[in-house]
N, C-alpha and C. Protein backbone atom coordinates (compact mmCIF):
# COMPACT_ATOMS: atom_id res chain seq x y z
N UNK A 1 82.91 7.39 -9.44
CA UNK A 1 82.67 7.37 -11.01
C UNK A 1 81.99 8.84 -11.54
N UNK A 2 82.48 9.26 -12.54
CA UNK A 2 82.01 10.67 -12.88
C UNK A 2 80.64 10.45 -13.36
N UNK A 3 79.72 11.51 -13.32
CA UNK A 3 78.60 11.39 -13.85
C UNK A 3 78.55 11.48 -15.32
N UNK A 4 79.60 12.11 -16.18
CA UNK A 4 79.58 12.11 -17.45
C UNK A 4 81.01 11.68 -17.90
N UNK A 5 81.21 11.39 -19.14
CA UNK A 5 82.62 10.89 -19.52
C UNK A 5 83.15 12.00 -20.54
N UNK A 6 84.29 12.35 -20.33
CA UNK A 6 85.05 13.23 -21.40
C UNK A 6 86.44 12.75 -21.69
N UNK A 7 86.81 12.54 -22.81
CA UNK A 7 88.02 11.90 -23.38
C UNK A 7 89.05 12.87 -22.80
N UNK A 8 90.30 12.15 -22.46
CA UNK A 8 91.46 13.04 -21.77
C UNK A 8 91.86 14.07 -22.96
N UNK A 9 91.56 14.10 -24.09
CA UNK A 9 92.17 15.22 -25.08
C UNK A 9 91.12 16.26 -25.03
N UNK A 10 89.93 16.37 -24.42
CA UNK A 10 89.08 17.24 -24.46
C UNK A 10 89.30 18.20 -23.37
N UNK A 11 88.82 19.40 -23.50
CA UNK A 11 88.99 20.81 -22.42
C UNK A 11 87.55 20.88 -22.21
N UNK A 12 87.52 20.93 -20.81
CA UNK A 12 86.06 21.49 -20.19
C UNK A 12 86.53 22.57 -19.33
N UNK A 13 86.04 23.94 -19.99
CA UNK A 13 86.31 25.11 -18.92
C UNK A 13 85.30 25.07 -17.79
N UNK A 14 85.64 25.45 -16.55
CA UNK A 14 84.50 25.54 -15.63
C UNK A 14 84.40 26.96 -15.41
N UNK A 15 83.22 27.45 -14.99
CA UNK A 15 82.13 26.39 -14.64
C UNK A 15 81.17 26.25 -15.76
N UNK A 16 80.73 24.95 -16.09
CA UNK A 16 79.88 24.61 -16.71
C UNK A 16 79.09 23.49 -16.14
N UNK A 17 78.03 22.99 -16.90
CA UNK A 17 77.11 22.15 -16.61
C UNK A 17 76.80 20.96 -17.56
N UNK A 18 77.42 19.78 -17.04
CA UNK A 18 77.17 18.70 -18.25
C UNK A 18 76.42 17.33 -17.34
N UNK A 19 75.40 17.02 -17.95
CA UNK A 19 74.30 16.01 -17.31
C UNK A 19 74.98 14.51 -17.13
N UNK A 20 74.44 13.96 -16.36
CA UNK A 20 74.77 12.58 -16.19
C UNK A 20 74.39 11.66 -17.55
N UNK A 21 75.52 10.72 -17.73
CA UNK A 21 75.40 10.04 -18.85
C UNK A 21 75.80 10.39 -20.25
N UNK A 22 76.10 11.81 -20.39
CA UNK A 22 76.81 12.47 -21.52
C UNK A 22 78.16 12.03 -21.72
N UNK A 23 78.52 11.85 -22.99
CA UNK A 23 79.68 11.32 -23.42
C UNK A 23 80.34 12.34 -24.46
N UNK A 24 81.70 12.76 -24.10
CA UNK A 24 82.21 13.97 -24.88
C UNK A 24 83.67 13.38 -25.44
N UNK A 25 83.64 13.26 -26.73
CA UNK A 25 84.77 12.47 -27.31
C UNK A 25 85.97 13.35 -27.64
N UNK A 26 86.94 12.80 -28.39
CA UNK A 26 88.26 13.37 -28.47
C UNK A 26 88.34 14.76 -29.05
N UNK A 27 89.20 15.61 -28.48
CA UNK A 27 89.60 17.20 -28.94
C UNK A 27 88.28 17.98 -29.12
N UNK A 28 87.49 17.90 -27.99
CA UNK A 28 86.28 18.75 -27.94
C UNK A 28 86.69 19.97 -27.00
N UNK A 29 86.09 21.01 -27.12
CA UNK A 29 86.26 22.00 -26.19
C UNK A 29 84.75 22.51 -25.71
N UNK A 30 84.38 22.45 -24.45
CA UNK A 30 83.34 22.98 -23.75
C UNK A 30 83.80 24.30 -22.96
N UNK A 31 83.03 25.44 -23.50
CA UNK A 31 83.47 26.55 -22.86
C UNK A 31 82.76 26.81 -21.52
N UNK A 32 83.18 27.91 -20.75
CA UNK A 32 82.58 28.21 -19.55
C UNK A 32 81.08 28.82 -19.67
N UNK A 33 80.32 28.40 -18.82
CA UNK A 33 78.94 28.69 -19.02
C UNK A 33 77.98 27.79 -19.60
N UNK A 34 78.44 26.80 -20.50
CA UNK A 34 77.92 26.09 -21.34
C UNK A 34 77.06 24.95 -20.50
N UNK A 35 75.78 24.71 -20.94
CA UNK A 35 74.89 23.77 -20.23
C UNK A 35 74.46 22.52 -21.21
N UNK A 36 74.99 21.59 -20.90
CA UNK A 36 74.72 20.16 -21.58
C UNK A 36 73.89 19.25 -20.76
N UNK A 37 72.90 18.78 -21.31
CA UNK A 37 71.97 17.83 -20.63
C UNK A 37 72.55 16.49 -20.43
N UNK A 38 71.55 15.57 -20.14
CA UNK A 38 71.93 14.40 -19.81
C UNK A 38 71.78 13.58 -21.05
N UNK A 39 72.72 12.40 -21.02
CA UNK A 39 72.65 11.44 -22.10
C UNK A 39 72.95 11.86 -23.57
N UNK A 40 73.76 13.02 -23.60
CA UNK A 40 74.09 13.30 -24.96
C UNK A 40 75.55 12.67 -25.36
N UNK A 41 75.59 12.74 -26.82
CA UNK A 41 76.82 12.23 -27.42
C UNK A 41 77.37 13.35 -28.16
N UNK A 42 78.52 13.92 -27.83
CA UNK A 42 79.28 14.95 -28.39
C UNK A 42 80.55 14.31 -29.09
N UNK A 43 80.49 14.41 -30.38
CA UNK A 43 81.43 13.71 -31.17
C UNK A 43 82.84 14.51 -31.36
N UNK A 44 83.66 13.83 -31.88
CA UNK A 44 85.21 14.29 -31.91
C UNK A 44 85.00 15.77 -32.50
N UNK A 45 85.89 16.57 -31.81
CA UNK A 45 86.23 17.88 -32.38
C UNK A 45 85.11 18.78 -32.40
N UNK A 46 84.24 18.83 -31.44
CA UNK A 46 83.09 19.63 -31.32
C UNK A 46 83.47 20.80 -30.35
N UNK A 47 83.21 22.11 -30.74
CA UNK A 47 83.35 23.08 -29.80
C UNK A 47 81.77 23.61 -29.36
N UNK A 48 81.70 23.55 -28.03
CA UNK A 48 80.43 24.21 -27.50
C UNK A 48 80.70 25.49 -26.83
N UNK A 49 80.33 26.54 -27.40
CA UNK A 49 80.56 27.91 -26.87
C UNK A 49 80.09 28.39 -25.50
N UNK A 50 80.52 29.51 -25.07
CA UNK A 50 80.06 30.14 -23.87
C UNK A 50 78.68 30.38 -23.82
N UNK A 51 77.99 29.83 -22.59
CA UNK A 51 76.62 30.06 -22.31
C UNK A 51 75.59 29.34 -23.32
N UNK A 52 76.36 28.40 -24.16
CA UNK A 52 75.29 27.61 -25.01
C UNK A 52 74.40 26.65 -24.16
N UNK A 53 73.11 26.49 -24.54
CA UNK A 53 72.30 25.37 -23.95
C UNK A 53 72.14 24.29 -24.86
N UNK A 54 72.36 23.24 -24.39
CA UNK A 54 71.95 21.92 -25.09
C UNK A 54 71.17 21.00 -24.34
N UNK A 55 70.09 20.65 -24.78
CA UNK A 55 69.07 19.70 -24.10
C UNK A 55 69.79 18.32 -23.72
N UNK A 56 68.81 17.42 -23.26
CA UNK A 56 69.06 16.07 -23.17
C UNK A 56 68.87 15.29 -24.19
N UNK A 57 69.60 14.02 -24.28
CA UNK A 57 69.63 13.12 -25.55
C UNK A 57 70.00 13.84 -26.92
N UNK A 58 70.72 14.53 -27.00
CA UNK A 58 71.25 15.28 -27.97
C UNK A 58 72.29 14.49 -28.69
N UNK A 59 72.46 14.41 -30.00
CA UNK A 59 73.67 13.66 -30.57
C UNK A 59 74.26 14.91 -31.57
N UNK A 60 75.41 15.31 -31.24
CA UNK A 60 76.17 16.30 -32.32
C UNK A 60 77.31 15.41 -32.54
N UNK A 61 77.44 15.29 -33.91
CA UNK A 61 78.40 14.54 -34.73
C UNK A 61 79.83 15.46 -34.71
N UNK A 62 80.68 14.73 -35.45
CA UNK A 62 82.08 15.29 -35.51
C UNK A 62 81.97 16.64 -36.15
N UNK A 63 83.08 17.50 -35.65
CA UNK A 63 83.55 18.74 -36.32
C UNK A 63 82.20 19.65 -36.48
N UNK A 64 81.71 19.86 -35.29
CA UNK A 64 80.46 20.88 -35.32
C UNK A 64 80.90 21.90 -34.22
N UNK A 65 80.80 23.19 -34.61
CA UNK A 65 80.88 24.35 -33.74
C UNK A 65 79.40 24.96 -33.27
N UNK A 66 79.28 24.93 -31.90
CA UNK A 66 77.98 25.25 -31.45
C UNK A 66 78.24 26.73 -30.76
N UNK A 67 78.15 27.90 -31.34
CA UNK A 67 78.70 29.33 -30.95
C UNK A 67 77.70 29.65 -29.93
N UNK A 68 78.08 30.79 -29.10
CA UNK A 68 77.18 31.37 -28.33
C UNK A 68 75.94 31.96 -28.92
N UNK A 69 74.92 31.77 -28.54
CA UNK A 69 73.49 32.32 -28.91
C UNK A 69 72.93 31.15 -29.41
N UNK A 70 73.47 29.74 -29.48
CA UNK A 70 72.54 28.97 -29.98
C UNK A 70 72.10 28.12 -28.70
N UNK A 71 70.80 27.69 -28.99
CA UNK A 71 69.89 26.83 -27.99
C UNK A 71 69.37 25.60 -28.69
N UNK A 72 69.86 24.47 -28.03
CA UNK A 72 69.34 23.20 -28.88
C UNK A 72 68.44 22.51 -27.92
N UNK A 73 67.32 22.06 -28.03
CA UNK A 73 66.40 21.48 -27.12
C UNK A 73 66.59 20.09 -27.30
N UNK A 74 66.01 19.18 -26.37
CA UNK A 74 66.20 17.66 -26.20
C UNK A 74 65.99 17.13 -27.50
N UNK A 75 66.59 15.76 -27.59
CA UNK A 75 66.42 14.98 -28.76
C UNK A 75 66.75 15.44 -30.27
N UNK A 76 67.61 16.49 -30.19
CA UNK A 76 67.86 17.02 -31.46
C UNK A 76 69.08 16.19 -31.93
N UNK A 77 69.38 15.97 -33.48
CA UNK A 77 70.60 15.41 -33.99
C UNK A 77 71.10 16.45 -34.84
N UNK A 78 72.48 16.56 -34.79
CA UNK A 78 73.22 17.65 -35.47
C UNK A 78 74.36 16.82 -36.36
N UNK A 79 74.24 16.81 -37.54
CA UNK A 79 75.04 15.87 -38.54
C UNK A 79 76.56 16.47 -38.42
N UNK A 80 77.37 15.70 -38.80
CA UNK A 80 78.84 15.95 -39.07
C UNK A 80 79.05 17.32 -39.82
N UNK A 81 80.00 18.00 -39.36
CA UNK A 81 80.46 19.30 -39.97
C UNK A 81 79.52 20.22 -40.11
N UNK A 82 78.33 20.11 -39.56
CA UNK A 82 77.08 21.33 -39.65
C UNK A 82 77.82 22.63 -38.90
N UNK A 83 77.22 23.72 -39.19
CA UNK A 83 77.84 24.88 -38.97
C UNK A 83 76.80 25.94 -38.52
N UNK A 84 76.94 26.45 -37.29
CA UNK A 84 75.92 27.60 -36.81
C UNK A 84 76.85 28.75 -36.94
N UNK A 85 75.97 29.88 -37.19
CA UNK A 85 76.68 31.09 -37.09
C UNK A 85 76.04 32.10 -35.86
N UNK A 86 76.79 33.07 -35.49
CA UNK A 86 75.75 34.16 -34.37
C UNK A 86 75.97 35.49 -34.85
N UNK A 87 76.66 35.83 -36.03
CA UNK A 87 76.54 37.30 -36.25
C UNK A 87 76.29 37.27 -37.87
N UNK A 88 75.40 38.37 -38.20
CA UNK A 88 74.83 38.33 -39.68
C UNK A 88 76.01 38.91 -40.50
N UNK A 89 76.85 39.79 -40.08
CA UNK A 89 77.62 40.48 -40.84
C UNK A 89 79.21 40.66 -40.34
N UNK A 90 79.76 39.27 -39.90
CA UNK A 90 81.06 39.44 -39.31
C UNK A 90 82.29 40.01 -40.20
N UNK A 91 83.06 40.78 -39.35
CA UNK A 91 84.42 41.45 -39.68
C UNK A 91 85.48 41.02 -38.67
N UNK A 92 86.57 40.80 -39.24
CA UNK A 92 87.56 40.30 -37.98
C UNK A 92 87.99 41.48 -37.36
N UNK A 93 87.79 42.71 -37.90
CA UNK A 93 88.32 43.92 -37.35
C UNK A 93 87.20 44.82 -36.66
N UNK A 94 85.94 44.27 -36.68
CA UNK A 94 84.84 45.02 -35.88
C UNK A 94 84.32 43.96 -34.82
N UNK A 95 84.32 44.54 -33.49
CA UNK A 95 83.92 44.02 -32.46
C UNK A 95 82.24 43.95 -32.29
N UNK A 96 81.64 42.62 -32.64
CA UNK A 96 80.34 42.53 -32.78
C UNK A 96 79.56 41.57 -31.53
N UNK A 97 80.27 41.32 -30.60
CA UNK A 97 79.86 40.37 -29.59
C UNK A 97 78.45 40.93 -29.03
N UNK A 98 78.16 42.08 -29.13
CA UNK A 98 76.93 42.56 -28.46
C UNK A 98 75.76 42.57 -29.62
N UNK A 99 76.16 41.89 -30.80
CA UNK A 99 75.24 41.78 -31.78
C UNK A 99 74.90 40.30 -32.10
N UNK A 100 75.26 39.41 -31.15
CA UNK A 100 74.88 37.99 -31.36
C UNK A 100 73.34 37.73 -31.63
N UNK A 101 73.01 37.00 -32.59
CA UNK A 101 71.71 36.53 -32.85
C UNK A 101 71.44 35.15 -32.03
N UNK A 102 70.14 35.18 -31.67
CA UNK A 102 69.85 33.81 -30.99
C UNK A 102 69.33 32.86 -32.22
N UNK A 103 69.69 31.65 -31.96
CA UNK A 103 69.29 30.58 -32.92
C UNK A 103 68.64 29.33 -32.07
N UNK A 104 67.51 29.00 -32.40
CA UNK A 104 66.78 27.91 -31.63
C UNK A 104 66.67 26.69 -32.40
N UNK A 105 67.01 25.70 -31.93
CA UNK A 105 66.62 24.49 -32.50
C UNK A 105 65.73 23.51 -31.55
N UNK A 106 64.51 23.37 -32.14
CA UNK A 106 63.55 22.78 -31.11
C UNK A 106 63.68 21.21 -31.25
N UNK A 107 62.97 20.76 -30.14
CA UNK A 107 62.83 19.16 -29.78
C UNK A 107 62.85 18.44 -30.97
N UNK A 108 63.76 17.42 -31.04
CA UNK A 108 63.58 16.20 -32.02
C UNK A 108 63.95 16.60 -33.49
N UNK A 109 64.36 18.00 -33.84
CA UNK A 109 64.69 18.45 -35.16
C UNK A 109 66.11 17.57 -35.53
N UNK A 110 66.37 17.51 -36.72
CA UNK A 110 67.41 17.00 -37.28
C UNK A 110 68.21 17.89 -38.30
N UNK A 111 69.46 18.13 -38.14
CA UNK A 111 70.15 19.10 -38.98
C UNK A 111 71.30 18.19 -39.77
N UNK A 112 70.96 18.00 -41.15
CA UNK A 112 71.95 17.22 -41.94
C UNK A 112 73.34 17.56 -41.90
N UNK A 113 74.14 16.57 -42.32
CA UNK A 113 75.70 16.90 -42.57
C UNK A 113 75.82 17.86 -43.50
N UNK A 114 76.91 18.83 -43.07
CA UNK A 114 77.31 20.06 -43.72
C UNK A 114 76.41 21.05 -43.93
N UNK A 115 75.44 21.14 -43.08
CA UNK A 115 74.22 22.32 -43.24
C UNK A 115 74.80 23.37 -42.65
N UNK A 116 74.50 24.63 -42.99
CA UNK A 116 74.78 25.87 -42.43
C UNK A 116 73.52 26.45 -41.99
N UNK A 117 73.42 26.96 -40.64
CA UNK A 117 72.27 27.46 -40.12
C UNK A 117 72.70 28.99 -39.63
N UNK A 118 72.21 29.95 -40.39
CA UNK A 118 72.39 31.14 -40.38
C UNK A 118 71.91 31.79 -39.00
N UNK A 119 72.51 32.65 -38.26
CA UNK A 119 72.02 32.99 -37.12
C UNK A 119 70.66 33.69 -37.15
N UNK A 120 69.97 33.75 -35.96
CA UNK A 120 68.54 34.22 -35.98
C UNK A 120 67.39 33.66 -36.28
N UNK A 121 67.52 32.26 -36.53
CA UNK A 121 66.24 31.54 -37.09
C UNK A 121 65.90 30.75 -35.87
N UNK A 122 64.75 30.05 -35.99
CA UNK A 122 64.26 28.95 -35.33
C UNK A 122 63.92 27.94 -36.18
N UNK A 123 64.34 26.65 -35.99
CA UNK A 123 64.05 25.33 -36.47
C UNK A 123 63.19 24.64 -35.57
N UNK A 124 61.87 24.65 -36.19
CA UNK A 124 60.80 23.95 -35.42
C UNK A 124 60.90 22.43 -35.22
N UNK A 125 60.06 22.15 -34.20
CA UNK A 125 60.20 20.74 -33.59
C UNK A 125 60.09 19.68 -34.62
N UNK A 126 60.93 18.70 -34.60
CA UNK A 126 60.78 17.42 -35.37
C UNK A 126 61.23 17.94 -37.14
N UNK A 127 61.49 19.08 -37.18
CA UNK A 127 61.75 19.36 -38.48
C UNK A 127 63.10 18.53 -39.10
N UNK A 128 63.17 18.65 -40.38
CA UNK A 128 64.31 17.86 -41.04
C UNK A 128 65.17 18.69 -41.85
N UNK A 129 66.43 19.10 -41.65
CA UNK A 129 67.22 20.00 -42.62
C UNK A 129 68.09 18.97 -43.46
N UNK A 130 67.89 18.78 -44.79
CA UNK A 130 68.60 17.97 -45.64
C UNK A 130 70.04 18.34 -45.61
N UNK A 131 70.87 17.37 -45.81
CA UNK A 131 72.30 17.55 -45.93
C UNK A 131 72.95 18.65 -46.92
N UNK A 132 73.85 19.63 -46.36
CA UNK A 132 74.12 20.57 -47.42
C UNK A 132 73.44 21.56 -47.51
N UNK A 133 72.24 21.74 -46.72
CA UNK A 133 71.38 22.73 -46.92
C UNK A 133 72.06 24.19 -46.28
N UNK A 134 71.50 25.44 -46.56
CA UNK A 134 71.81 26.32 -45.96
C UNK A 134 70.55 27.14 -45.56
N UNK A 135 70.33 27.07 -44.09
CA UNK A 135 69.03 27.69 -43.56
C UNK A 135 69.08 29.12 -43.32
N UNK A 136 68.35 29.94 -44.05
CA UNK A 136 68.43 31.32 -43.80
C UNK A 136 67.30 32.18 -43.33
N UNK A 137 66.29 31.22 -43.03
CA UNK A 137 64.87 31.60 -42.41
C UNK A 137 64.19 30.73 -41.40
N UNK A 138 63.15 30.95 -40.66
CA UNK A 138 62.67 30.03 -39.84
C UNK A 138 62.23 28.91 -40.65
N UNK A 139 62.19 27.66 -39.80
CA UNK A 139 61.63 26.43 -40.43
C UNK A 139 60.44 25.91 -39.62
N UNK A 140 59.49 25.58 -40.25
CA UNK A 140 58.12 25.17 -39.37
C UNK A 140 58.43 23.68 -38.86
N UNK A 141 57.73 23.58 -37.47
CA UNK A 141 57.50 22.16 -37.09
C UNK A 141 57.14 21.08 -38.08
N UNK A 142 57.84 19.99 -38.08
CA UNK A 142 57.56 18.87 -38.93
C UNK A 142 58.04 19.11 -40.51
N UNK A 143 58.67 20.31 -40.80
CA UNK A 143 58.95 20.82 -42.03
C UNK A 143 60.21 19.87 -42.77
N UNK A 144 60.28 19.52 -43.80
CA UNK A 144 61.45 18.77 -44.60
C UNK A 144 61.91 20.01 -45.55
N UNK A 145 63.19 20.63 -45.29
CA UNK A 145 63.78 21.57 -46.16
C UNK A 145 65.12 21.20 -46.56
N UNK A 146 65.44 21.66 -47.90
CA UNK A 146 66.73 21.32 -48.28
C UNK A 146 67.12 22.37 -49.32
N UNK A 147 68.44 22.47 -49.78
CA UNK A 147 68.93 23.13 -50.81
C UNK A 147 69.63 24.49 -50.18
N UNK A 148 70.15 25.39 -51.11
CA UNK A 148 70.89 26.59 -50.86
C UNK A 148 70.18 27.67 -51.70
N UNK A 149 69.42 28.54 -51.04
CA UNK A 149 68.97 28.60 -49.78
C UNK A 149 67.95 27.29 -49.48
N UNK A 150 67.94 26.93 -48.34
CA UNK A 150 66.95 25.87 -48.01
C UNK A 150 65.50 26.33 -48.21
N UNK A 151 64.88 25.47 -49.03
CA UNK A 151 63.23 25.66 -49.20
C UNK A 151 62.55 24.34 -48.77
N UNK A 152 61.32 24.52 -48.42
CA UNK A 152 60.44 23.37 -48.03
C UNK A 152 59.91 22.56 -49.09
N UNK A 153 60.37 21.20 -48.99
CA UNK A 153 60.04 20.28 -49.95
C UNK A 153 59.07 19.21 -49.45
N UNK A 154 58.62 19.36 -48.15
CA UNK A 154 57.33 18.27 -47.66
C UNK A 154 57.36 18.52 -46.35
N UNK A 155 56.71 17.41 -45.61
CA UNK A 155 56.58 17.29 -44.22
C UNK A 155 57.13 16.01 -43.80
N UNK A 156 57.55 15.97 -42.51
CA UNK A 156 58.16 14.48 -41.86
C UNK A 156 57.38 14.24 -40.51
N UNK A 157 57.35 13.06 -40.25
CA UNK A 157 56.90 12.58 -38.99
C UNK A 157 57.82 12.62 -37.89
N UNK A 158 57.55 12.66 -36.60
CA UNK A 158 58.33 12.49 -35.50
C UNK A 158 59.45 11.52 -35.84
N UNK A 159 59.22 10.54 -36.51
CA UNK A 159 60.14 9.32 -36.93
C UNK A 159 61.07 9.67 -37.90
N UNK A 160 60.84 10.52 -38.56
CA UNK A 160 61.54 11.17 -39.83
C UNK A 160 61.06 10.67 -41.07
N UNK A 161 60.10 10.04 -41.24
CA UNK A 161 59.40 9.61 -42.42
C UNK A 161 58.58 10.74 -43.15
N UNK A 162 58.58 10.70 -44.47
CA UNK A 162 57.89 11.68 -45.25
C UNK A 162 56.55 11.50 -45.19
N UNK A 163 55.75 12.45 -45.10
CA UNK A 163 54.16 12.29 -44.82
C UNK A 163 53.67 12.64 -46.15
N UNK A 164 52.50 12.09 -46.65
CA UNK A 164 51.65 12.32 -47.87
C UNK A 164 50.15 12.37 -47.05
N UNK A 165 49.55 13.63 -47.15
CA UNK A 165 48.49 14.00 -46.78
C UNK A 165 47.52 13.75 -47.78
N UNK A 166 46.26 13.06 -47.29
CA UNK A 166 45.11 12.99 -48.21
C UNK A 166 44.28 14.31 -48.23
N UNK A 167 43.30 14.13 -49.24
CA UNK A 167 42.26 15.20 -49.48
C UNK A 167 41.68 16.05 -48.03
N UNK A 168 41.56 15.24 -47.09
CA UNK A 168 41.15 15.68 -45.83
C UNK A 168 42.26 16.46 -44.90
N UNK A 169 43.41 16.19 -45.44
CA UNK A 169 44.54 16.92 -44.73
C UNK A 169 45.28 15.89 -43.90
N UNK A 170 44.99 14.68 -43.94
CA UNK A 170 45.50 13.67 -42.80
C UNK A 170 46.62 12.95 -43.43
N UNK A 171 47.57 12.69 -42.59
CA UNK A 171 48.60 11.65 -43.20
C UNK A 171 48.97 10.76 -42.03
N UNK A 172 49.54 9.55 -42.21
CA UNK A 172 49.82 8.62 -41.21
C UNK A 172 51.43 8.24 -41.63
N UNK A 173 52.05 8.33 -40.34
CA UNK A 173 53.53 7.88 -40.63
C UNK A 173 53.75 6.30 -40.89
N UNK A 174 54.57 6.04 -41.93
CA UNK A 174 54.43 4.55 -42.10
C UNK A 174 55.20 3.88 -41.32
N UNK A 175 56.19 4.39 -40.55
CA UNK A 175 56.82 3.60 -39.32
C UNK A 175 56.17 3.42 -38.07
N UNK A 176 55.24 4.25 -37.73
CA UNK A 176 54.75 4.24 -36.40
C UNK A 176 53.13 4.18 -36.16
N UNK A 177 52.72 4.59 -37.41
CA UNK A 177 51.09 4.64 -37.50
C UNK A 177 50.57 5.93 -36.93
N UNK A 178 51.54 6.90 -36.54
CA UNK A 178 51.02 8.12 -35.76
C UNK A 178 50.31 8.98 -36.94
N UNK A 179 49.10 9.71 -36.50
CA UNK A 179 48.51 10.51 -37.49
C UNK A 179 49.00 11.84 -37.33
N UNK A 180 48.68 12.65 -38.65
CA UNK A 180 49.11 14.15 -38.46
C UNK A 180 47.93 14.69 -39.44
N UNK A 181 47.78 15.94 -38.99
CA UNK A 181 46.92 16.96 -39.66
C UNK A 181 47.61 18.16 -40.17
N UNK A 182 47.28 18.49 -41.62
CA UNK A 182 47.92 19.54 -42.25
C UNK A 182 46.74 20.62 -42.29
N UNK A 183 46.86 21.71 -41.66
CA UNK A 183 45.94 22.78 -41.70
C UNK A 183 46.47 24.13 -41.63
N UNK A 184 45.93 24.96 -42.48
CA UNK A 184 46.64 26.43 -42.68
C UNK A 184 48.32 26.41 -42.70
N UNK A 185 48.89 25.57 -43.49
CA UNK A 185 50.22 25.59 -43.59
C UNK A 185 51.09 25.10 -42.44
N UNK A 186 50.25 24.29 -41.46
CA UNK A 186 50.98 23.83 -40.25
C UNK A 186 50.60 22.40 -40.03
N UNK A 187 51.50 21.76 -39.51
CA UNK A 187 51.19 20.27 -39.21
C UNK A 187 51.18 19.80 -37.81
N UNK A 188 50.25 19.16 -37.13
CA UNK A 188 50.14 18.93 -35.87
C UNK A 188 49.86 17.36 -35.71
N UNK A 189 50.53 16.80 -34.83
CA UNK A 189 50.29 15.55 -34.45
C UNK A 189 49.08 15.19 -33.80
N UNK A 190 48.37 14.12 -34.17
CA UNK A 190 47.07 13.84 -33.74
C UNK A 190 46.95 13.08 -32.60
N UNK A 191 46.78 13.40 -31.46
CA UNK A 191 46.85 12.41 -30.27
C UNK A 191 45.66 11.38 -30.26
N UNK A 192 46.15 10.02 -29.93
CA UNK A 192 45.32 8.92 -29.82
C UNK A 192 43.97 9.10 -28.84
N UNK A 193 42.83 8.78 -29.19
CA UNK A 193 41.64 9.00 -28.16
C UNK A 193 41.66 7.88 -27.50
């Protein structure tokens, strides 16, 4: 039995690495040098570019292209038809492969459906990008951003619940009871004592 599943309409270009338990659905293309972790779900019509790195337990929904230069850490969710770019000023008649900008999506982040991630940014851990947003600059960990261009509208927990901070800068996730601290424009998870 194969360590991973790929639908027979998908194309996997060797050499690449695909982790155990990963499922790759209809009409996908995984290009050479791609590295996909274990227990991922790659939806229909997804393209994973050359040398792209995708962590474990990542869900990439239908119709997403993950271009060279993108690195996605563990537990990330990428909504349907989200777009990544890798060149700031593309022209069909100008070769710019040596100008690819790196884009990092940190652990546990969510990118909403139909969002565009302009290359060269870092999306912080557990950040949440609202559907249809255009991200043009770095997003802080636990930040909730939305709009065109995306602006910060608040903070979310690891569970994705909106956080409301009290006068002391403490918030509790309504779903999990985890506590968070807001200090100097950054949020941190408070570990249980």
